[in-house]
C-alpha atoms as a PDB file:
ATOM      1  CA  MET A   1     201.458 115.573 135.781  1.00  0.00           C
ATOM      2  CA  THR A   2     199.863 115.572 139.222  1.00  0.00           C
ATOM      3  CA  LEU A   3     197.962 112.809 141.003  1.00  0.00           C
ATOM      4  CA  ASP A   4     195.300 113.296 143.616  1.00  0.00           C
ATOM      5  CA  PRO A   5     196.845 112.557 147.026  1.00  0.00           C
ATOM      6  CA  PHE A   6     194.116 109.960 147.656  1.00  0.00           C
ATOM      7  CA  TYR A   7     194.468 106.967 145.331  1.00  0.00           C
ATOM      8  CA  LEU A   8     191.765 104.335 145.706  1.00  0.00           C
ATOM      9  CA  ILE A   9     192.242 100.787 144.370  1.00  0.00           C
ATOM     10  CA  VAL A  10     189.233  98.474 143.978  1.00  0.00           C
ATOM     11  CA  ASP A  11     188.489  95.156 142.295  1.00  0.00           C
ATOM     12  CA  SER A  12     185.058  95.820 140.802  1.00  0.00           C
ATOM     13  CA  THR A  13     182.845  98.495 139.336  1.00  0.00           C
ATOM     14  CA  ASN A  14     180.475  97.956 142.258  1.00  0.00           C
ATOM     15  CA  TRP A  15     183.015  99.725 144.465  1.00  0.00           C
ATOM     16  CA  ILE A  16     183.437 102.510 141.936  1.00  0.00           C
ATOM     17  CA  ARG A  17     179.681 102.990 141.823  1.00  0.00           C
ATOM     18  CA  ARG A  18     179.581 103.247 145.628  1.00  0.00           C
ATOM     19  CA  LEU A  19     182.662 105.307 146.382  1.00  0.00           C
ATOM     20  CA  VAL A  20     183.562 107.568 143.458  1.00  0.00           C
ATOM     21  CA  PRO A  21     180.489 109.823 143.966  1.00  0.00           C
ATOM     22  CA  LEU A  22     181.812 110.621 147.459  1.00  0.00           C
ATOM     23  CA  GLY A  23     184.592 112.723 145.944  1.00  0.00           C
ATOM     24  CA  VAL A  24     187.224 110.211 144.848  1.00  0.00           C
ATOM     25  CA  LYS A  25     189.360 111.755 142.088  1.00  0.00           C
ATOM     26  CA  THR A  26     191.762 108.892 141.300  1.00  0.00           C
ATOM     27  CA  VAL A  27     190.755 105.227 141.259  1.00  0.00           C
ATOM     28  CA  GLN A  28     192.437 102.118 139.916  1.00  0.00           C
ATOM     29  CA  LEU A  29     190.294  99.215 138.740  1.00  0.00           C
ATOM     30  CA  ARG A  30     192.290  96.062 139.452  1.00  0.00           C
ATOM     31  CA  ILE A  31     190.372  92.975 138.350  1.00  0.00           C
ATOM     32  CA  LYS A  32     191.840  89.484 138.565  1.00  0.00           C
ATOM     33  CA  ASP A  33     190.694  86.074 137.347  1.00  0.00           C
ATOM     34  CA  ARG A  34     187.680  87.139 135.309  1.00  0.00           C
ATOM     35  CA  ALA A  35     186.767  86.371 131.700  1.00  0.00           C
ATOM     36  CA  LEU A  36     187.829  89.034 129.225  1.00  0.00           C
ATOM     37  CA  PRO A  37     184.255  89.998 128.192  1.00  0.00           C
ATOM     38  CA  GLU A  38     183.415  90.609 131.864  1.00  0.00           C
ATOM     39  CA  ILE A  39     186.554  92.685 132.321  1.00  0.00           C
ATOM     40  CA  ARG A  40     185.706  94.756 129.266  1.00  0.00           C
ATOM     41  CA  ALA A  41     182.188  95.396 130.557  1.00  0.00           C
ATOM     42  CA  GLU A  42     183.553  96.408 133.970  1.00  0.00           C
ATOM     43  CA  ILE A  43     186.079  98.803 132.447  1.00  0.00           C
ATOM     44  CA  ARG A  44     183.441 100.338 130.190  1.00  0.00           C
ATOM     45  CA  GLU A  45     181.033 100.953 133.078  1.00  0.00           C
ATOM     46  CA  ALA A  46     183.792 102.214 135.363  1.00  0.00           C
ATOM     47  CA  ALA A  47     184.927 104.683 132.713  1.00  0.00           C
ATOM     48  CA  ALA A  48     181.410 106.066 132.358  1.00  0.00           C
ATOM     49  CA  ILE A  49     181.003 106.510 136.121  1.00  0.00           C
ATOM     50  CA  CYS A  50     184.394 108.164 136.480  1.00  0.00           C
ATOM     51  CA  LYS A  51     183.748 110.514 133.585  1.00  0.00           C
ATOM     52  CA  ALA A  52     180.474 111.615 135.181  1.00  0.00           C
ATOM     53  CA  HIS A  53     182.264 112.449 138.432  1.00  0.00           C
ATOM     54  CA  ALA A  54     185.491 113.963 137.051  1.00  0.00           C
ATOM     55  CA  CYS A  55     187.494 111.051 138.469  1.00  0.00           C
ATOM     56  CA  GLN A  56     190.680 109.692 136.861  1.00  0.00           C
ATOM     57  CA  LEU A  57     190.247 105.982 136.078  1.00  0.00           C
ATOM     58  CA  ILE A  58     193.431 103.897 135.984  1.00  0.00           C
ATOM     59  CA  VAL A  59     193.066 100.425 134.467  1.00  0.00           C
ATOM     60  CA  ASN A  60     195.314  97.742 135.913  1.00  0.00           C
ATOM     61  CA  ASP A  61     197.044  95.322 133.503  1.00  0.00           C
ATOM     62  CA  TYR A  62     194.549  95.202 130.624  1.00  0.00           C
ATOM     63  CA  TRP A  63     196.202  97.766 128.413  1.00  0.00           C
ATOM     64  CA  GLN A  64     194.763  96.401 125.144  1.00  0.00           C
ATOM     65  CA  VAL A  65     191.213  96.700 126.481  1.00  0.00           C
ATOM     66  CA  ALA A  66     192.003 100.135 127.905  1.00  0.00           C
ATOM     67  CA  ILE A  67     193.108 101.290 124.464  1.00  0.00           C
ATOM     68  CA  GLU A  68     190.072  99.782 122.748  1.00  0.00           C
ATOM     69  CA  GLU A  69     187.689 101.324 125.276  1.00  0.00           C
ATOM     70  CA  GLY A  70     189.213 104.783 125.000  1.00  0.00           C
ATOM     71  CA  CYS A  71     190.666 104.910 128.499  1.00  0.00           C
ATOM     72  CA  ASP A  72     193.577 107.223 129.175  1.00  0.00           C
ATOM     73  CA  PHE A  73     195.571 105.679 132.043  1.00  0.00           C
ATOM     74  CA  ILE A  74     196.927 102.220 132.852  1.00  0.00           C
ATOM     75  CA  HIS A  75     198.983 100.687 135.634  1.00  0.00           C
ATOM     76  CA  LEU A  76     201.341  97.772 135.058  1.00  0.00           C
ATOM     77  CA  GLY A  77     203.297  95.514 137.347  1.00  0.00           C
ATOM     78  CA  GLN A  78     206.783  94.469 136.346  1.00  0.00           C
ATOM     79  CA  GLU A  79     205.714  91.195 134.698  1.00  0.00           C
ATOM     80  CA  ASP A  80     202.975  92.940 132.753  1.00  0.00           C
ATOM     81  CA  LEU A  81     205.394  95.683 131.724  1.00  0.00           C
ATOM     82  CA  ALA A  82     207.758  93.093 130.251  1.00  0.00           C
ATOM     83  CA  ALA A  83     204.949  91.715 128.076  1.00  0.00           C
ATOM     84  CA  ALA A  84     203.319  95.022 127.131  1.00  0.00           C
ATOM     85  CA  ASP A  85     203.705  96.910 123.869  1.00  0.00           C
ATOM     86  CA  LEU A  86     204.898 100.281 125.129  1.00  0.00           C
ATOM     87  CA  GLY A  87     204.881 101.677 121.623  1.00  0.00           C
ATOM     88  CA  ALA A  88     201.190 100.901 121.200  1.00  0.00           C
ATOM     89  CA  ILE A  89     200.435 102.283 124.651  1.00  0.00           C
ATOM     90  CA  ARG A  90     202.180 105.561 123.932  1.00  0.00           C
ATOM     91  CA  GLU A  91     200.762 105.812 120.416  1.00  0.00           C
ATOM     92  CA  ALA A  92     197.278 105.545 121.932  1.00  0.00           C
ATOM     93  CA  GLY A  93     198.131 108.405 124.278  1.00  0.00           C
ATOM     94  CA  LEU A  94     197.763 106.413 127.487  1.00  0.00           C
ATOM     95  CA  LYS A  95     199.488 107.588 130.632  1.00  0.00           C
ATOM     96  CA  LEU A  96     201.450 104.877 132.436  1.00  0.00           C
ATOM     97  CA  GLY A  97     201.935 104.014 136.095  1.00  0.00           C
ATOM     98  CA  LEU A  98     204.376 101.299 137.178  1.00  0.00           C
ATOM     99  CA  SER A  99     204.929  99.216 140.314  1.00  0.00           C
ATOM    100  CA  THR A 100     208.361  98.941 141.927  1.00  0.00           C
ATOM    101  CA  HIS A 101     209.644  96.970 144.917  1.00  0.00           C
ATOM    102  CA  ASP A 102     213.430  97.133 144.672  1.00  0.00           C
ATOM    103  CA  GLU A 103     216.311  98.928 142.943  1.00  0.00           C
ATOM    104  CA  THR A 104     216.288  96.683 139.886  1.00  0.00           C
ATOM    105  CA  GLU A 105     212.578  97.239 139.313  1.00  0.00           C
ATOM    106  CA  LEU A 106     213.017 100.967 139.757  1.00  0.00           C
ATOM    107  CA  ALA A 107     215.665 101.017 137.028  1.00  0.00           C
ATOM    108  CA  VAL A 108     213.372  99.069 134.697  1.00  0.00           C
ATOM    109  CA  ALA A 109     210.482 101.409 135.472  1.00  0.00           C
ATOM    110  CA  LEU A 110     212.494 104.574 134.866  1.00  0.00           C
ATOM    111  CA  ALA A 111     213.643 103.234 131.490  1.00  0.00           C
ATOM    112  CA  ALA A 112     209.977 103.068 130.447  1.00  0.00           C
ATOM    113  CA  HIS A 113     209.473 106.792 131.204  1.00  0.00           C
ATOM    114  CA  PRO A 114     206.342 106.350 133.332  1.00  0.00           C
ATOM    115  CA  ASP A 115     203.918 109.056 134.375  1.00  0.00           C
ATOM    116  CA  TYR A 116     204.121 107.876 137.977  1.00  0.00           C
ATOM    117  CA  ILE A 117     205.915 105.220 140.014  1.00  0.00           C
ATOM    118  CA  ALA A 118     204.409 103.221 142.871  1.00  0.00           C
ATOM    119  CA  LEU A 119     206.531 101.901 145.751  1.00  0.00           C
ATOM    120  CA  GLY A 120     205.395  99.163 148.082  1.00  0.00           C
ATOM    121  CA  PRO A 121     204.609  97.603 150.325  1.00  0.00           C
ATOM    122  CA  ILE A 122     205.352 100.400 152.766  1.00  0.00           C
ATOM    123  CA  TYR A 123     203.901  98.378 155.668  1.00  0.00           C
ATOM    124  CA  PRO A 124     202.930  94.707 155.921  1.00  0.00           C
ATOM    125  CA  THR A 125     199.829  94.078 153.830  1.00  0.00           C
ATOM    126  CA  ILE A 126     197.081  91.478 154.084  1.00  0.00           C
ATOM    127  CA  LEU A 127     195.982  91.874 150.469  1.00  0.00           C
ATOM    128  CA  LYS A 128     198.339  89.318 148.924  1.00  0.00           C
ATOM    129  CA  ALA A 129     201.523  87.425 149.658  1.00  0.00           C
ATOM    130  CA  MET A 130     204.566  89.583 148.965  1.00  0.00           C
ATOM    131  CA  PRO A 131     208.114  88.323 148.398  1.00  0.00           C
ATOM    132  CA  TRP A 132     209.400  91.732 149.479  1.00  0.00           C
ATOM    133  CA  ALA A 133     209.858  92.946 153.026  1.00  0.00           C
ATOM    134  CA  PRO A 134     208.005  96.119 153.981  1.00  0.00           C
ATOM    135  CA  GLN A 135     209.848  99.091 152.526  1.00  0.00           C
ATOM    136  CA  GLY A 136     209.334 101.474 155.427  1.00  0.00           C
ATOM    137  CA  LEU A 137     208.962 105.235 155.317  1.00  0.00           C
ATOM    138  CA  GLU A 138     212.644 106.041 154.711  1.00  0.00           C
ATOM    139  CA  ARG A 139     212.560 104.214 151.370  1.00  0.00           C
ATOM    140  CA  ILE A 140     209.896 106.651 150.187  1.00  0.00           C
ATOM    141  CA  GLY A 141     212.358 109.519 150.577  1.00  0.00           C
ATOM    142  CA  ALA A 142     215.115 107.597 148.819  1.00  0.00           C
ATOM    143  CA  TRP A 143     212.844 106.730 145.888  1.00  0.00           C
ATOM    144  CA  LYS A 144     211.613 110.312 145.586  1.00  0.00           C
ATOM    145  CA  ALA A 145     215.184 111.590 145.487  1.00  0.00           C
ATOM    146  CA  ARG A 146     215.882 109.172 142.619  1.00  0.00           C
ATOM    147  CA  ILE A 147     212.810 109.906 140.501  1.00  0.00           C
ATOM    148  CA  GLY A 148     212.630 113.678 140.910  1.00  0.00           C
ATOM    149  CA  ASP A 149     209.507 115.235 139.440  1.00  0.00           C
ATOM    150  CA  ILE A 150     207.825 111.913 138.603  1.00  0.00           C
ATOM    151  CA  PRO A 151     204.902 111.470 141.019  1.00  0.00           C
ATOM    152  CA  LEU A 152     205.466 108.787 143.678  1.00  0.00           C
ATOM    153  CA  VAL A 153     202.608 106.641 144.986  1.00  0.00           C
ATOM    154  CA  ALA A 154     203.061 104.908 148.342  1.00  0.00           C
ATOM    155  CA  ILE A 155     201.128 101.651 148.677  1.00  0.00           C
ATOM    156  CA  GLY A 156     200.822  98.725 151.054  1.00  0.00           C
ATOM    157  CA  GLY A 157     199.377  98.599 154.545  1.00  0.00           C
ATOM    158  CA  LEU A 158     198.476 102.284 154.622  1.00  0.00           C
ATOM    159  CA  THR A 159     195.682 103.522 156.859  1.00  0.00           C
ATOM    160  CA  VAL A 160     194.302 106.954 157.622  1.00  0.00           C
ATOM    161  CA  GLU A 161     196.465 106.952 160.721  1.00  0.00           C
ATOM    162  CA  ARG A 162     199.628 106.209 158.711  1.00  0.00           C
ATOM    163  CA  ILE A 163     199.323 108.471 155.692  1.00  0.00           C
ATOM    164  CA  ALA A 164     200.928 111.495 157.348  1.00  0.00           C
ATOM    165  CA  GLY A 165     204.226 109.608 157.484  1.00  0.00           C
ATOM    166  CA  ALA A 166     204.003 108.744 153.796  1.00  0.00           C
ATOM    167  CA  PHE A 167     203.562 112.378 152.776  1.00  0.00           C
ATOM    168  CA  GLU A 168     206.151 113.652 155.232  1.00  0.00           C
ATOM    169  CA  ASN A 169     208.711 111.352 153.606  1.00  0.00           C
ATOM    170  CA  GLY A 170     208.019 112.466 150.049  1.00  0.00           C
ATOM    171  CA  ALA A 171     205.037 110.554 148.658  1.00  0.00           C
ATOM    172  CA  ASP A 172     202.827 112.496 146.272  1.00  0.00           C
ATOM    173  CA  SER A 173     199.891 110.128 146.632  1.00  0.00           C
ATOM    174  CA  ALA A 174     198.800 107.415 149.087  1.00  0.00           C
ATOM    175  CA  ALA A 175     197.103 104.305 147.739  1.00  0.00           C
ATOM    176  CA  VAL A 176     194.612 102.223 149.706  1.00  0.00           C
ATOM    177  CA  VAL A 177     192.768  98.960 149.247  1.00  0.00           C
ATOM    178  CA  THR A 178     191.799  96.976 152.339  1.00  0.00           C
ATOM    179  CA  ASP A 179     191.611  99.853 154.830  1.00  0.00           C
ATOM    180  CA  ILE A 180     188.508 100.866 152.903  1.00  0.00           C
ATOM    181  CA  THR A 181     187.146  97.711 151.264  1.00  0.00           C
ATOM    182  CA  ARG A 182     187.365  95.651 154.465  1.00  0.00           C
ATOM    183  CA  ASN A 183     186.127  98.427 156.705  1.00  0.00           C
ATOM    184  CA  SER A 184     182.724  98.030 158.320  1.00  0.00           C
ATOM    185  CA  ASP A 185     181.675 101.365 156.805  1.00  0.00           C
ATOM    186  CA  PRO A 186     183.568 101.872 153.516  1.00  0.00           C
ATOM    187  CA  GLU A 187     181.774 105.116 152.695  1.00  0.00           C
ATOM    188  CA  ARG A 188     182.679 106.724 156.015  1.00  0.00           C
ATOM    189  CA  ARG A 189     186.258 105.482 155.730  1.00  0.00           C
ATOM    190  CA  THR A 190     186.530 106.871 152.187  1.00  0.00           C
ATOM    191  CA  ARG A 191     185.472 110.309 153.395  1.00  0.00           C
ATOM    192  CA  GLU A 192     188.070 110.106 156.172  1.00  0.00           C
ATOM    193  CA  TRP A 193     190.772 109.202 153.646  1.00  0.00           C
ATOM    194  CA  ILE A 194     189.828 112.019 151.288  1.00  0.00           C
ATOM    195  CA  ALA A 195     189.931 114.605 154.058  1.00  0.00           C
ATOM    196  CA  ALA A 196     193.120 113.321 155.659  1.00  0.00           C
ATOM    197  CA  ALA A 197     195.075 112.812 152.436  1.00  0.00           C
ATOM    198  CA  ARG A 198     194.341 116.271 151.147  1.00  0.00           C
ATOM    199  CA  THR A 199     195.059 117.905 154.510  1.00  0.00           C
ATOM    200  CA  PHE A 200     198.394 116.131 155.036  1.00  0.00           C
ATOM    201  CA  HIS A 201     199.407 116.651 151.428  1.00  0.00           C
ATOM    202  CA  ARG A 202     198.805 120.407 151.615  1.00  0.00           C
ATOM    203  CA  GLU A 203     200.756 120.606 154.862  1.00  0.00           C
ATOM    204  CA  GLY A 204     203.608 118.641 153.320  1.00  0.00           C
END
């Protein structure tokens, strides 16, 4: 499979409503600390918006809801992977993306035969406290050599100014959260990301 080189991650359907119509083709909905009925409603609305704009929606964590709502892609962290029913996920036809931060997690992820692997944080990130040191650009190349044809998503501290390095070192897609959602003009920044990611990816 192939991923769009620009991979947006947001925490609400409000962001999807604002940014997906600008040309976003891959977006992850990562909702935390909300009641399950609210999460279901958000996923349902996000799926409808993404379908209307030919955008791939990736649901973070809530694989049961994703199955029930007819979604086709989920992303799991390592703890969520350990608790998930991979058989049910595959039987439902869902594609699977997995987070990795070290060699042990990479081995666990590869054993699950994912459709893509994410590596992070590449740079220091302000989004959440991380027990892992920044991976750096060289780790991207090492991971890509290990996983071969499986798409590799670089995540953590990436900005428009930094994405060239991610692609030059082997990333197939660059994921972003705060460089857009905490920008003073998220729409303008999204357009910059789309243009830059696709340009650098083609050149790579």
